[in-house]
C-alpha cells in the first residue's frame, strides 16, 4: 500500500517545535565524536597567540574552528571549502563538532579564507598544529602507522614503527598544511578574489 504525505502533514513536520539538546542529535558512534574524544585542540590557542592582537580589532573566528573546518572537509570528502561551509550550515554533527548552536552563524567563506590566510600564512604554524593533532591520534591508537595512505596510494610502513611514525607525522602535517593553503587560494582565484 502506498502512503502519501498530505500537505498538512508536511507543513506540520516542517514547522514542528521540539526541545532537543544538540548533544542528543549527534549519534554516539559518529566519527566526529571519536575525534573530539581523542584530540584536545586547546593546544592551538598557545601556538597562535602571537598572530592575534589582544587589545583591539573585531572578534575573530576561533582558531580551533579555523582548523576544524578543513578537517571536516577532508574527513568527509567535500570537494571545496565553499561547499564545506554550506554543509556546516545544515549538518548538526558538524555544528556540534565546531561548538556552534543551531542558531549560530557559520563563518562566511570569504571571512574563513581571509582569517586562514592571515593567521596561517606561515605554513610552519599550520604544520605544527597538524603535527600535534596527528601525534595525539597516534598516541590514542586511532591512527595505525603500519598502513599509511598518501594521495590514495597504499604504502607499507617500515618495521621501526615509532621512528617511522614520528617522521610520517611531520610529512603528513606538512602535506595537510600545503593542501589547506592551496584549497583556499584555488577557491578564491576561481571566484575572482585575491589576498
N, C-alpha and C. Protein backbone atom coordinates (compact mmCIF):
# COMPACT_ATOMS: atom_id res chain seq x y z
N UNK A 1 0.84 -1.17 0.00
CA UNK A 1 0.00 0.00 0.00
C UNK A 1 0.90 1.25 0.00
N UNK A 2 0.63 2.15 -0.89
CA UNK A 2 1.42 3.37 -0.99
C UNK A 2 0.84 4.43 -0.04
N UNK A 3 1.74 5.05 0.69
CA UNK A 3 1.33 6.11 1.60
C UNK A 3 1.84 7.43 1.05
N UNK A 4 0.99 8.44 1.10
CA UNK A 4 1.38 9.77 0.65
C UNK A 4 1.32 10.72 1.84
N UNK A 5 2.31 11.59 1.93
CA UNK A 5 2.26 12.61 2.96
C UNK A 5 1.35 13.73 2.49
N UNK A 6 0.33 13.97 3.23
CA UNK A 6 -0.57 15.06 2.89
C UNK A 6 0.14 16.38 3.15
N UNK A 7 -0.27 17.41 2.41
CA UNK A 7 0.36 18.72 2.57
C UNK A 7 0.32 19.20 4.01
N UNK A 8 -0.76 18.91 4.71
CA UNK A 8 -0.87 19.36 6.09
C UNK A 8 0.15 18.65 6.98
N UNK A 9 0.41 17.36 6.69
CA UNK A 9 1.39 16.62 7.48
C UNK A 9 2.80 17.16 7.21
N UNK A 10 3.10 17.47 5.96
CA UNK A 10 4.41 18.03 5.61
C UNK A 10 4.59 19.37 6.31
N UNK A 11 3.56 20.21 6.23
CA UNK A 11 3.63 21.51 6.89
C UNK A 11 3.86 21.35 8.38
N UNK A 12 3.12 20.42 8.98
CA UNK A 12 3.24 20.17 10.42
C UNK A 12 4.64 19.69 10.79
N UNK A 13 5.20 18.78 9.99
CA UNK A 13 6.53 18.25 10.27
C UNK A 13 7.59 19.33 10.13
N UNK A 14 7.46 20.16 9.12
CA UNK A 14 8.46 21.20 8.88
C UNK A 14 8.40 22.31 9.91
N UNK A 15 7.26 22.51 10.50
CA UNK A 15 7.09 23.59 11.46
C UNK A 15 7.01 23.09 12.90
N UNK A 16 7.33 21.85 13.10
CA UNK A 16 7.30 21.26 14.43
C UNK A 16 8.30 21.95 15.35
N UNK A 17 7.87 22.23 16.54
CA UNK A 17 8.77 22.79 17.55
C UNK A 17 9.01 21.72 18.59
N UNK A 18 10.29 21.50 18.87
CA UNK A 18 10.65 20.50 19.86
C UNK A 18 11.90 20.99 20.58
N UNK A 19 12.10 20.49 21.77
CA UNK A 19 13.28 20.86 22.54
C UNK A 19 14.25 19.68 22.57
N UNK A 20 15.40 19.90 21.98
CA UNK A 20 16.45 18.89 21.96
C UNK A 20 17.76 19.57 22.30
N UNK A 21 18.60 18.87 22.99
CA UNK A 21 19.97 19.33 23.16
C UNK A 21 20.73 18.89 21.92
N UNK A 22 21.59 19.74 21.42
CA UNK A 22 22.39 19.39 20.24
C UNK A 22 23.14 18.09 20.48
N UNK A 23 23.55 17.89 21.71
CA UNK A 23 24.25 16.66 22.11
C UNK A 23 23.44 15.41 21.77
N UNK A 24 22.12 15.49 21.91
CA UNK A 24 21.25 14.34 21.64
C UNK A 24 21.10 14.04 20.16
N UNK A 25 21.36 15.02 19.31
CA UNK A 25 21.12 14.86 17.88
C UNK A 25 22.29 14.24 17.12
N UNK A 26 23.44 14.13 17.78
CA UNK A 26 24.62 13.54 17.14
C UNK A 26 24.75 12.10 17.61
N UNK A 27 24.75 11.14 16.69
CA UNK A 27 24.84 9.73 17.10
C UNK A 27 26.09 9.46 17.94
N UNK A 28 25.98 8.57 18.91
CA UNK A 28 27.12 8.30 19.81
C UNK A 28 28.35 7.73 19.10
N UNK A 29 28.17 7.07 17.97
CA UNK A 29 29.31 6.46 17.28
C UNK A 29 29.80 7.30 16.09
N UNK A 30 29.38 8.55 16.01
CA UNK A 30 29.76 9.42 14.89
C UNK A 30 31.27 9.67 14.93
N UNK A 31 31.90 9.70 13.77
CA UNK A 31 33.34 9.91 13.66
C UNK A 31 33.79 11.18 14.39
N UNK A 32 33.03 12.25 14.28
CA UNK A 32 33.43 13.49 14.92
C UNK A 32 33.40 13.39 16.44
N UNK A 33 32.54 12.55 16.98
CA UNK A 33 32.55 12.31 18.43
C UNK A 33 33.85 11.62 18.84
N UNK A 34 34.28 10.67 18.02
CA UNK A 34 35.52 9.94 18.32
C UNK A 34 36.72 10.88 18.27
N UNK A 35 36.74 11.74 17.28
CA UNK A 35 37.83 12.71 17.17
C UNK A 35 37.82 13.65 18.36
N UNK A 36 36.65 14.14 18.71
CA UNK A 36 36.51 15.04 19.84
C UNK A 36 36.97 14.38 21.14
N UNK A 37 36.72 13.08 21.24
CA UNK A 37 37.11 12.34 22.44
C UNK A 37 38.62 12.18 22.55
N UNK A 38 39.29 11.97 21.43
CA UNK A 38 40.72 11.65 21.44
C UNK A 38 41.65 12.84 21.27
N UNK A 39 41.16 13.95 20.73
CA UNK A 39 42.04 15.08 20.45
C UNK A 39 41.65 16.27 21.32
N UNK A 40 42.64 16.81 22.01
CA UNK A 40 42.46 18.04 22.77
C UNK A 40 43.00 19.18 21.92
N UNK A 41 42.12 19.97 21.35
CA UNK A 41 42.52 21.04 20.44
C UNK A 41 42.99 22.31 21.16
N UNK A 42 42.91 22.36 22.46
CA UNK A 42 43.23 23.58 23.19
C UNK A 42 44.69 24.02 23.05
N UNK A 43 45.57 23.12 22.65
CA UNK A 43 46.97 23.50 22.44
C UNK A 43 47.11 24.57 21.36
N UNK A 44 46.11 24.66 20.48
CA UNK A 44 46.15 25.61 19.36
C UNK A 44 46.21 27.05 19.88
N UNK A 45 45.50 27.34 20.95
CA UNK A 45 45.49 28.71 21.49
C UNK A 45 46.90 29.20 21.81
N UNK A 46 47.70 28.36 22.43
CA UNK A 46 49.07 28.75 22.77
C UNK A 46 49.92 28.96 21.51
N UNK A 47 49.73 28.11 20.52
CA UNK A 47 50.55 28.21 19.30
C UNK A 47 50.24 29.47 18.48
N UNK A 48 48.99 29.92 18.51
CA UNK A 48 48.59 31.05 17.65
C UNK A 48 48.51 32.38 18.39
N UNK A 49 48.84 32.38 19.64
CA UNK A 49 48.69 33.60 20.45
C UNK A 49 49.37 34.81 19.82
N UNK A 50 50.54 34.62 19.21
CA UNK A 50 51.29 35.73 18.64
C UNK A 50 50.68 36.30 17.36
N UNK A 51 49.77 35.60 16.71
CA UNK A 51 49.18 36.10 15.46
C UNK A 51 47.83 36.79 15.69
N UNK A 52 47.46 36.96 16.94
CA UNK A 52 46.22 37.66 17.29
C UNK A 52 46.56 38.87 18.15
N UNK A 53 45.85 39.96 17.93
CA UNK A 53 46.01 41.16 18.76
C UNK A 53 45.06 41.03 19.95
N UNK A 54 45.57 41.22 21.13
CA UNK A 54 44.77 41.01 22.34
C UNK A 54 43.90 42.20 22.72
N UNK A 55 44.25 43.42 22.24
CA UNK A 55 43.54 44.58 22.77
C UNK A 55 42.80 45.44 21.76
N UNK A 56 42.74 45.05 20.48
CA UNK A 56 41.92 45.82 19.55
C UNK A 56 41.49 44.96 18.37
N UNK A 57 40.62 45.53 17.56
CA UNK A 57 40.10 44.81 16.40
C UNK A 57 38.80 44.10 16.72
N UNK A 58 38.18 43.61 15.66
CA UNK A 58 36.93 42.87 15.83
C UNK A 58 37.21 41.46 16.31
N UNK A 59 36.22 40.86 16.97
CA UNK A 59 36.42 39.45 17.38
C UNK A 59 36.64 38.58 16.13
N UNK A 60 37.57 37.67 16.24
CA UNK A 60 37.89 36.81 15.10
C UNK A 60 37.19 35.46 15.23
N UNK A 61 37.35 34.66 14.20
CA UNK A 61 36.87 33.28 14.26
C UNK A 61 37.81 32.53 15.20
N UNK A 62 37.25 31.71 16.04
CA UNK A 62 38.04 30.91 16.98
C UNK A 62 39.09 30.13 16.18
N UNK A 63 40.37 30.17 16.58
CA UNK A 63 41.40 29.45 15.83
C UNK A 63 41.17 27.94 15.77
N UNK A 64 40.53 27.38 16.79
CA UNK A 64 40.23 25.95 16.73
C UNK A 64 39.21 25.68 15.62
N UNK A 65 38.26 26.58 15.46
CA UNK A 65 37.28 26.45 14.38
C UNK A 65 37.97 26.52 13.03
N UNK A 66 38.97 27.41 12.91
CA UNK A 66 39.71 27.53 11.64
C UNK A 66 40.42 26.23 11.27
N UNK A 67 40.78 25.43 12.25
CA UNK A 67 41.43 24.15 11.99
C UNK A 67 40.39 23.05 11.78
N UNK A 68 39.32 23.08 12.56
CA UNK A 68 38.31 22.02 12.47
C UNK A 68 37.53 22.06 11.16
N UNK A 69 37.31 23.24 10.60
CA UNK A 69 36.54 23.33 9.35
C UNK A 69 37.23 22.56 8.22
N UNK A 70 38.53 22.78 7.96
CA UNK A 70 39.18 21.99 6.91
C UNK A 70 39.25 20.50 7.25
N UNK A 71 39.31 20.17 8.54
CA UNK A 71 39.28 18.76 8.92
C UNK A 71 37.98 18.12 8.46
N UNK A 72 36.87 18.82 8.66
CA UNK A 72 35.57 18.32 8.20
C UNK A 72 35.62 18.11 6.69
N UNK A 73 36.17 19.09 5.97
CA UNK A 73 36.24 18.98 4.51
C UNK A 73 36.98 17.72 4.08
N UNK A 74 38.14 17.47 4.66
CA UNK A 74 38.94 16.33 4.24
C UNK A 74 38.38 15.00 4.75
N UNK A 75 37.89 14.98 5.97
CA UNK A 75 37.35 13.73 6.51
C UNK A 75 36.14 13.23 5.75
N UNK A 76 35.31 14.16 5.27
CA UNK A 76 34.07 13.76 4.63
C UNK A 76 34.10 13.96 3.11
N UNK A 77 35.28 14.25 2.57
CA UNK A 77 35.45 14.31 1.12
C UNK A 77 34.65 15.40 0.43
N UNK A 78 34.48 16.52 1.08
CA UNK A 78 33.75 17.63 0.48
C UNK A 78 34.70 18.34 -0.48
N UNK A 79 34.31 18.53 -1.74
CA UNK A 79 35.26 18.97 -2.76
C UNK A 79 35.79 20.40 -2.63
N UNK A 80 35.08 21.30 -1.99
CA UNK A 80 35.58 22.67 -1.90
C UNK A 80 35.26 23.25 -0.53
N UNK A 81 36.00 24.28 -0.17
CA UNK A 81 35.75 24.93 1.11
C UNK A 81 34.41 25.65 1.10
N UNK A 82 34.06 26.21 -0.02
CA UNK A 82 32.77 26.90 -0.14
C UNK A 82 31.63 25.92 0.14
N UNK A 83 31.71 24.72 -0.42
CA UNK A 83 30.68 23.71 -0.17
C UNK A 83 30.74 23.22 1.27
N UNK A 84 31.93 23.16 1.84
CA UNK A 84 32.07 22.75 3.24
C UNK A 84 31.29 23.69 4.14
N UNK A 85 31.44 24.99 3.90
CA UNK A 85 30.71 25.99 4.70
C UNK A 85 29.21 25.78 4.55
N UNK A 86 28.75 25.50 3.33
CA UNK A 86 27.31 25.25 3.11
C UNK A 86 26.86 23.99 3.84
N UNK A 87 27.69 22.95 3.86
CA UNK A 87 27.34 21.72 4.56
C UNK A 87 27.27 21.94 6.07
N UNK A 88 28.16 22.75 6.59
CA UNK A 88 28.16 23.03 8.03
C UNK A 88 26.85 23.73 8.43
N UNK A 89 26.32 24.56 7.54
CA UNK A 89 25.08 25.27 7.84
C UNK A 89 23.93 24.31 8.15
N UNK A 90 23.92 23.13 7.53
CA UNK A 90 22.77 22.23 7.66
C UNK A 90 23.07 20.92 8.39
N UNK A 91 24.32 20.67 8.74
CA UNK A 91 24.67 19.40 9.35
C UNK A 91 24.85 19.57 10.86
N UNK A 92 24.02 18.90 11.63
CA UNK A 92 24.03 19.01 13.08
C UNK A 92 25.35 18.51 13.67
N UNK A 93 25.88 17.42 13.16
CA UNK A 93 27.13 16.87 13.69
C UNK A 93 28.29 17.83 13.46
N UNK A 94 28.32 18.47 12.31
CA UNK A 94 29.38 19.43 12.03
C UNK A 94 29.27 20.61 12.99
N UNK A 95 28.07 21.10 13.20
CA UNK A 95 27.86 22.22 14.14
C UNK A 95 28.30 21.82 15.54
N UNK A 96 27.94 20.61 15.95
CA UNK A 96 28.32 20.12 17.28
C UNK A 96 29.83 20.11 17.42
N UNK A 97 30.53 19.57 16.42
CA UNK A 97 31.98 19.47 16.44
C UNK A 97 32.64 20.85 16.54
N UNK A 98 32.05 21.82 15.86
CA UNK A 98 32.61 23.18 15.86
C UNK A 98 32.17 24.00 17.08
N UNK A 99 31.23 23.47 17.85
CA UNK A 99 30.74 24.21 19.00
C UNK A 99 29.75 25.30 18.62
N UNK A 100 29.07 25.13 17.49
CA UNK A 100 28.07 26.09 17.04
C UNK A 100 26.68 25.59 17.38
N UNK A 101 25.83 26.46 17.86
CA UNK A 101 24.44 26.08 18.10
C UNK A 101 23.70 26.08 16.77
N UNK A 102 22.45 25.68 16.80
CA UNK A 102 21.64 25.67 15.57
C UNK A 102 21.35 27.09 15.08
N UNK A 103 21.47 28.07 15.95
CA UNK A 103 21.19 29.45 15.55
C UNK A 103 22.45 30.27 15.30
N UNK A 104 23.62 29.74 15.63
CA UNK A 104 24.87 30.47 15.37
C UNK A 104 25.11 30.59 13.87
N UNK A 105 25.66 31.71 13.49
CA UNK A 105 26.01 31.93 12.09
C UNK A 105 27.31 31.20 11.78
N UNK A 106 27.31 30.47 10.69
CA UNK A 106 28.53 29.80 10.23
C UNK A 106 29.38 30.86 9.53
N UNK A 107 30.69 30.84 9.76
CA UNK A 107 31.54 31.85 9.12
C UNK A 107 31.36 31.82 7.60
N UNK A 108 31.24 32.99 7.01
CA UNK A 108 31.16 33.10 5.55
C UNK A 108 32.48 32.64 4.97
N UNK A 109 32.44 32.06 3.78
CA UNK A 109 33.68 31.53 3.22
C UNK A 109 34.76 32.60 3.10
N UNK A 110 34.39 33.80 2.66
CA UNK A 110 35.42 34.83 2.48
C UNK A 110 36.07 35.19 3.82
N UNK A 111 35.27 35.22 4.87
CA UNK A 111 35.81 35.50 6.20
C UNK A 111 36.74 34.37 6.62
N UNK A 112 36.31 33.13 6.37
CA UNK A 112 37.15 31.99 6.71
C UNK A 112 38.48 32.08 5.95
N UNK A 113 38.40 32.30 4.64
CA UNK A 113 39.61 32.34 3.81
C UNK A 113 40.58 33.43 4.24
N UNK A 114 40.04 34.63 4.52
CA UNK A 114 40.90 35.74 4.95
C UNK A 114 41.56 35.42 6.28
N UNK A 115 40.78 34.92 7.23
CA UNK A 115 41.34 34.58 8.54
C UNK A 115 42.40 33.49 8.42
N UNK A 116 42.09 32.48 7.62
CA UNK A 116 43.04 31.37 7.47
C UNK A 116 44.34 31.87 6.85
N UNK A 117 44.22 32.69 5.83
CA UNK A 117 45.40 33.23 5.15
C UNK A 117 46.22 34.10 6.11
N UNK A 118 45.55 34.99 6.84
CA UNK A 118 46.27 35.90 7.74
C UNK A 118 46.91 35.17 8.91
N UNK A 119 46.21 34.20 9.46
CA UNK A 119 46.71 33.55 10.67
C UNK A 119 47.74 32.46 10.37
N UNK A 120 47.55 31.78 9.24
CA UNK A 120 48.40 30.61 8.95
C UNK A 120 49.24 30.79 7.70
N UNK A 121 49.53 32.07 7.39
CA UNK A 121 50.36 32.33 6.20
C UNK A 121 51.69 31.61 6.32
N UNK A 122 52.21 31.56 7.52
CA UNK A 122 53.42 30.79 7.77
C UNK A 122 53.00 29.32 7.84
N UNK A 123 53.39 28.55 6.83
CA UNK A 123 52.99 27.14 6.81
C UNK A 123 53.54 26.37 7.99
N UNK A 124 54.62 26.87 8.58
CA UNK A 124 55.18 26.15 9.72
C UNK A 124 54.21 26.13 10.88
N UNK A 125 53.40 27.18 11.05
CA UNK A 125 52.40 27.20 12.12
C UNK A 125 51.33 26.14 11.86
N UNK A 126 50.83 26.07 10.65
CA UNK A 126 49.83 25.05 10.31
C UNK A 126 50.43 23.65 10.45
N UNK A 127 51.68 23.49 10.04
CA UNK A 127 52.35 22.19 10.17
C UNK A 127 52.47 21.78 11.63
N UNK A 128 52.81 22.74 12.50
CA UNK A 128 52.92 22.44 13.93
C UNK A 128 51.57 21.96 14.48
N UNK A 129 50.52 22.63 14.06
CA UNK A 129 49.18 22.26 14.54
C UNK A 129 48.81 20.87 14.06
N UNK A 130 48.96 20.61 12.76
CA UNK A 130 48.59 19.30 12.23
C UNK A 130 49.49 18.20 12.78
N UNK A 131 50.76 18.51 13.01
CA UNK A 131 51.66 17.52 13.60
C UNK A 131 51.20 17.13 14.99
N UNK A 132 50.78 18.11 15.78
CA UNK A 132 50.29 17.82 17.14
C UNK A 132 49.00 16.99 17.10
N UNK A 133 48.11 17.33 16.16
CA UNK A 133 46.86 16.57 16.02
C UNK A 133 47.16 15.12 15.64
N UNK A 134 48.04 14.93 14.66
CA UNK A 134 48.40 13.58 14.24
C UNK A 134 49.10 12.82 15.36
N UNK A 135 49.94 13.51 16.10
CA UNK A 135 50.64 12.87 17.22
C UNK A 135 49.63 12.38 18.26
N UNK A 136 48.64 13.21 18.57
CA UNK A 136 47.61 12.79 19.52
C UNK A 136 46.83 11.59 19.00
N UNK A 137 46.57 11.56 17.70
CA UNK A 137 45.86 10.43 17.10
C UNK A 137 46.68 9.14 17.22
N UNK A 138 47.98 9.25 16.95
CA UNK A 138 48.86 8.08 17.05
C UNK A 138 48.91 7.60 18.50
N UNK A 139 49.08 8.53 19.44
CA UNK A 139 49.15 8.17 20.86
C UNK A 139 47.85 7.53 21.35
N UNK A 140 46.72 7.97 20.79
CA UNK A 140 45.42 7.41 21.19
C UNK A 140 45.15 6.08 20.51
N UNK A 141 46.00 5.71 19.54
CA UNK A 141 45.82 4.44 18.84
C UNK A 141 44.76 4.48 17.76
N UNK A 142 44.38 5.67 17.31
CA UNK A 142 43.36 5.76 16.27
C UNK A 142 43.96 5.87 14.88
N UNK A 143 45.28 6.02 14.80
CA UNK A 143 45.99 6.02 13.53
C UNK A 143 46.99 4.87 13.59
N UNK A 144 46.92 3.98 12.61
CA UNK A 144 47.81 2.84 12.55
C UNK A 144 48.98 3.18 11.64
N UNK A 145 50.16 3.27 12.19
CA UNK A 145 51.33 3.66 11.39
C UNK A 145 51.83 2.53 10.51
N UNK A 146 51.23 1.34 10.59
CA UNK A 146 51.67 0.24 9.74
C UNK A 146 51.18 0.41 8.31
N UNK A 147 50.01 0.99 8.15
CA UNK A 147 49.46 1.25 6.82
C UNK A 147 49.18 2.74 6.69
N UNK A 148 49.83 3.36 5.74
CA UNK A 148 49.66 4.78 5.51
C UNK A 148 49.13 4.95 4.09
N UNK A 149 48.18 5.83 3.91
CA UNK A 149 47.66 6.14 2.58
C UNK A 149 48.00 7.58 2.26
N UNK A 150 48.77 7.77 1.21
CA UNK A 150 49.16 9.11 0.79
C UNK A 150 48.64 9.31 -0.63
N UNK A 151 47.80 10.31 -0.82
CA UNK A 151 47.19 10.57 -2.12
C UNK A 151 46.57 9.31 -2.72
N UNK A 152 45.96 8.47 -1.90
CA UNK A 152 45.28 7.28 -2.37
C UNK A 152 46.19 6.09 -2.64
N UNK A 153 47.50 6.26 -2.46
CA UNK A 153 48.43 5.16 -2.68
C UNK A 153 48.72 4.47 -1.36
N UNK A 154 48.67 3.16 -1.36
CA UNK A 154 48.93 2.38 -0.15
C UNK A 154 50.43 2.21 0.00
N UNK A 155 50.97 2.59 1.16
CA UNK A 155 52.40 2.49 1.43
C UNK A 155 52.58 1.68 2.70
N UNK A 156 53.37 0.63 2.63
CA UNK A 156 53.67 -0.17 3.82
C UNK A 156 54.69 0.56 4.67
N UNK A 157 54.44 0.64 5.94
CA UNK A 157 55.38 1.28 6.85
C UNK A 157 56.55 0.34 7.14
N UNK A 158 57.69 0.94 7.52
CA UNK A 158 58.85 0.10 7.84
C UNK A 158 58.69 -0.50 9.24
N UNK A 159 59.59 -1.41 9.59
CA UNK A 159 59.45 -2.19 10.84
C UNK A 159 59.59 -1.33 12.09
N UNK A 160 60.44 -0.31 12.07
CA UNK A 160 60.61 0.53 13.24
C UNK A 160 59.46 1.53 13.30
N UNK A 161 58.37 1.08 13.83
CA UNK A 161 57.13 1.85 13.82
C UNK A 161 57.24 3.19 14.52
N UNK A 162 57.91 3.26 15.65
CA UNK A 162 57.98 4.51 16.42
C UNK A 162 58.72 5.60 15.63
N UNK A 163 59.89 5.25 15.09
CA UNK A 163 60.67 6.22 14.32
C UNK A 163 59.91 6.63 13.07
N UNK A 164 59.37 5.65 12.36
CA UNK A 164 58.66 5.93 11.13
C UNK A 164 57.43 6.79 11.42
N UNK A 165 56.72 6.48 12.49
CA UNK A 165 55.51 7.21 12.84
C UNK A 165 55.84 8.69 13.08
N UNK A 166 56.88 8.98 13.84
CA UNK A 166 57.25 10.37 14.10
C UNK A 166 57.60 11.11 12.82
N UNK A 167 58.35 10.45 11.92
CA UNK A 167 58.71 11.07 10.65
C UNK A 167 57.47 11.25 9.78
N UNK A 168 56.59 10.28 9.77
CA UNK A 168 55.39 10.35 8.94
C UNK A 168 54.44 11.44 9.44
N UNK A 169 54.37 11.65 10.74
CA UNK A 169 53.53 12.72 11.29
C UNK A 169 54.00 14.06 10.74
N UNK A 170 55.30 14.27 10.69
CA UNK A 170 55.84 15.53 10.18
C UNK A 170 55.52 15.68 8.69
N UNK A 171 55.73 14.62 7.92
CA UNK A 171 55.45 14.65 6.48
C UNK A 171 53.97 14.92 6.22
N UNK A 172 53.10 14.20 6.93
CA UNK A 172 51.66 14.37 6.73
C UNK A 172 51.20 15.75 7.17
N UNK A 173 51.75 16.27 8.26
CA UNK A 173 51.37 17.61 8.73
C UNK A 173 51.73 18.66 7.69
N UNK A 174 52.92 18.52 7.10
CA UNK A 174 53.34 19.47 6.06
C UNK A 174 52.42 19.36 4.85
N UNK A 175 52.08 18.14 4.45
CA UNK A 175 51.19 17.93 3.31
C UNK A 175 49.82 18.54 3.58
N UNK A 176 49.26 18.33 4.78
CA UNK A 176 47.96 18.90 5.13
C UNK A 176 47.99 20.42 5.09
N UNK A 177 49.03 21.02 5.63
CA UNK A 177 49.15 22.48 5.63
C UNK A 177 49.20 23.02 4.20
N UNK A 178 49.98 22.37 3.35
CA UNK A 178 50.07 22.80 1.95
C UNK A 178 48.73 22.64 1.24
N UNK A 179 48.06 21.53 1.47
CA UNK A 179 46.74 21.29 0.85
C UNK A 179 45.73 22.35 1.27
N UNK A 180 45.74 22.74 2.54
CA UNK A 180 44.81 23.74 3.03
C UNK A 180 45.03 25.07 2.33
N UNK A 181 46.28 25.50 2.26
CA UNK A 181 46.57 26.78 1.63
C UNK A 181 46.22 26.75 0.14
N UNK A 182 46.51 25.66 -0.53
CA UNK A 182 46.18 25.54 -1.95
C UNK A 182 44.67 25.59 -2.17
N UNK A 183 43.91 24.91 -1.32
CA UNK A 183 42.45 24.89 -1.47
C UNK A 183 41.86 26.28 -1.28
N UNK A 184 42.34 27.00 -0.28
CA UNK A 184 41.84 28.36 -0.04
C UNK A 184 42.19 29.26 -1.21
N UNK A 185 43.45 29.21 -1.68
CA UNK A 185 43.87 30.06 -2.79
C UNK A 185 43.15 29.71 -4.09
N UNK A 186 42.96 28.42 -4.35
CA UNK A 186 42.29 27.99 -5.56
C UNK A 186 40.85 28.47 -5.59
N UNK A 187 40.14 28.33 -4.49
CA UNK A 187 38.74 28.75 -4.45
C UNK A 187 38.63 30.26 -4.61
N UNK A 188 39.52 30.99 -3.99
CA UNK A 188 39.47 32.45 -4.11
C UNK A 188 39.81 32.88 -5.54
N UNK A 189 40.74 32.19 -6.20
CA UNK A 189 41.10 32.52 -7.58
C UNK A 189 39.93 32.25 -8.52
N UNK A 190 39.24 31.14 -8.30
CA UNK A 190 38.08 30.79 -9.14
C UNK A 190 37.00 31.85 -9.05
N UNK A 191 36.82 32.42 -7.87
CA UNK A 191 35.74 33.37 -7.64
C UNK A 191 36.23 34.82 -7.69
N UNK A 192 37.41 35.06 -8.29
CA UNK A 192 37.89 36.41 -8.52
C UNK A 192 38.32 37.17 -7.29
N UNK A 193 38.77 36.47 -6.29
CA UNK A 193 39.24 37.13 -5.07
C UNK A 193 40.74 36.99 -5.02
N UNK A 194 41.41 37.97 -4.44
CA UNK A 194 42.85 37.85 -4.23
C UNK A 194 43.17 38.26 -2.82
N UNK A 195 44.30 37.82 -2.34
CA UNK A 195 44.68 38.13 -0.96
C UNK A 195 45.43 39.43 -0.91
